[in-house]
Amino acid sequence: MRLWRRFSHIEKLDVKEKRQVIQLLDTFIEKERLKKAQT
């Protein structure tokens, strides 16, 4: 539930800030995906 609350805060950010958050999330997601692919 805390995650959804944070997403609602992110939704209220400027487009530029939102894009930065999304890029950060994408980086973590890709890192985990690559880590799982190596095992």
C-alpha atoms as a PDB file:
ATOM      1  CA  MET A   1       0.000   0.000   0.000  1.00  0.00           C
ATOM      2  CA  ARG A   2       2.844   2.407   0.697  1.00  0.00           C
ATOM      3  CA  LEU A   3       3.978   1.954  -2.877  1.00  0.00           C
ATOM      4  CA  TRP A   4       0.606   3.108  -4.248  1.00  0.00           C
ATOM      5  CA  ARG A   5       0.671   6.122  -1.943  1.00  0.00           C
ATOM      6  CA  ARG A   6       4.084   7.040  -3.328  1.00  0.00           C
ATOM      7  CA  PHE A   7       2.827   6.581  -6.881  1.00  0.00           C
ATOM      8  CA  SER A   8       0.032   9.041  -6.191  1.00  0.00           C
ATOM      9  CA  HIS A   9       2.620  11.583  -5.020  1.00  0.00           C
ATOM     10  CA  ILE A  10       4.698  10.937  -8.129  1.00  0.00           C
ATOM     11  CA  GLU A  11       1.641  11.547 -10.316  1.00  0.00           C
ATOM     12  CA  LYS A  12       1.443  15.083  -8.925  1.00  0.00           C
ATOM     13  CA  LEU A  13       5.024  15.941  -9.921  1.00  0.00           C
ATOM     14  CA  ASP A  14       6.068  17.942 -12.963  1.00  0.00           C
ATOM     15  CA  VAL A  15       6.525  16.028 -16.199  1.00  0.00           C
ATOM     16  CA  LYS A  16      10.310  16.428 -15.992  1.00  0.00           C
ATOM     17  CA  GLU A  17      10.466  15.101 -12.425  1.00  0.00           C
ATOM     18  CA  LYS A  18       8.098  12.256 -13.261  1.00  0.00           C
ATOM     19  CA  ARG A  19      10.336  11.260 -16.166  1.00  0.00           C
ATOM     20  CA  GLN A  20      13.347  11.147 -13.828  1.00  0.00           C
ATOM     21  CA  VAL A  21      11.511   8.889 -11.383  1.00  0.00           C
ATOM     22  CA  ILE A  22      10.443   6.576 -14.211  1.00  0.00           C
ATOM     23  CA  GLN A  23      14.005   6.375 -15.525  1.00  0.00           C
ATOM     24  CA  LEU A  24      15.230   5.492 -12.047  1.00  0.00           C
ATOM     25  CA  LEU A  25      12.606   2.757 -11.704  1.00  0.00           C
ATOM     26  CA  ASP A  26      13.465   1.420 -15.159  1.00  0.00           C
ATOM     27  CA  THR A  27      17.124   1.238 -14.155  1.00  0.00           C
ATOM     28  CA  PHE A  28      16.333  -0.872 -11.087  1.00  0.00           C
ATOM     29  CA  ILE A  29      13.935  -3.105 -13.029  1.00  0.00           C
ATOM     30  CA  GLU A  30      16.479  -3.703 -15.790  1.00  0.00           C
ATOM     31  CA  LYS A  31      19.220  -4.433 -13.246  1.00  0.00           C
ATOM     32  CA  GLU A  32      17.057  -7.090 -11.576  1.00  0.00           C
ATOM     33  CA  ARG A  33      16.042  -8.565 -14.924  1.00  0.00           C
ATOM     34  CA  LEU A  34      19.682  -8.905 -15.981  1.00  0.00           C
ATOM     35  CA  LYS A  35      20.629 -10.386 -12.616  1.00  0.00           C
ATOM     36  CA  LYS A  36      17.927 -13.065 -12.956  1.00  0.00           C
ATOM     37  CA  ALA A  37      18.943 -13.793 -16.555  1.00  0.00           C
ATOM     38  CA  GLN A  38      22.495 -14.584 -15.434  1.00  0.00           C
ATOM     39  CA  THR A  39      21.399 -17.223 -12.929  1.00  0.00           C
END
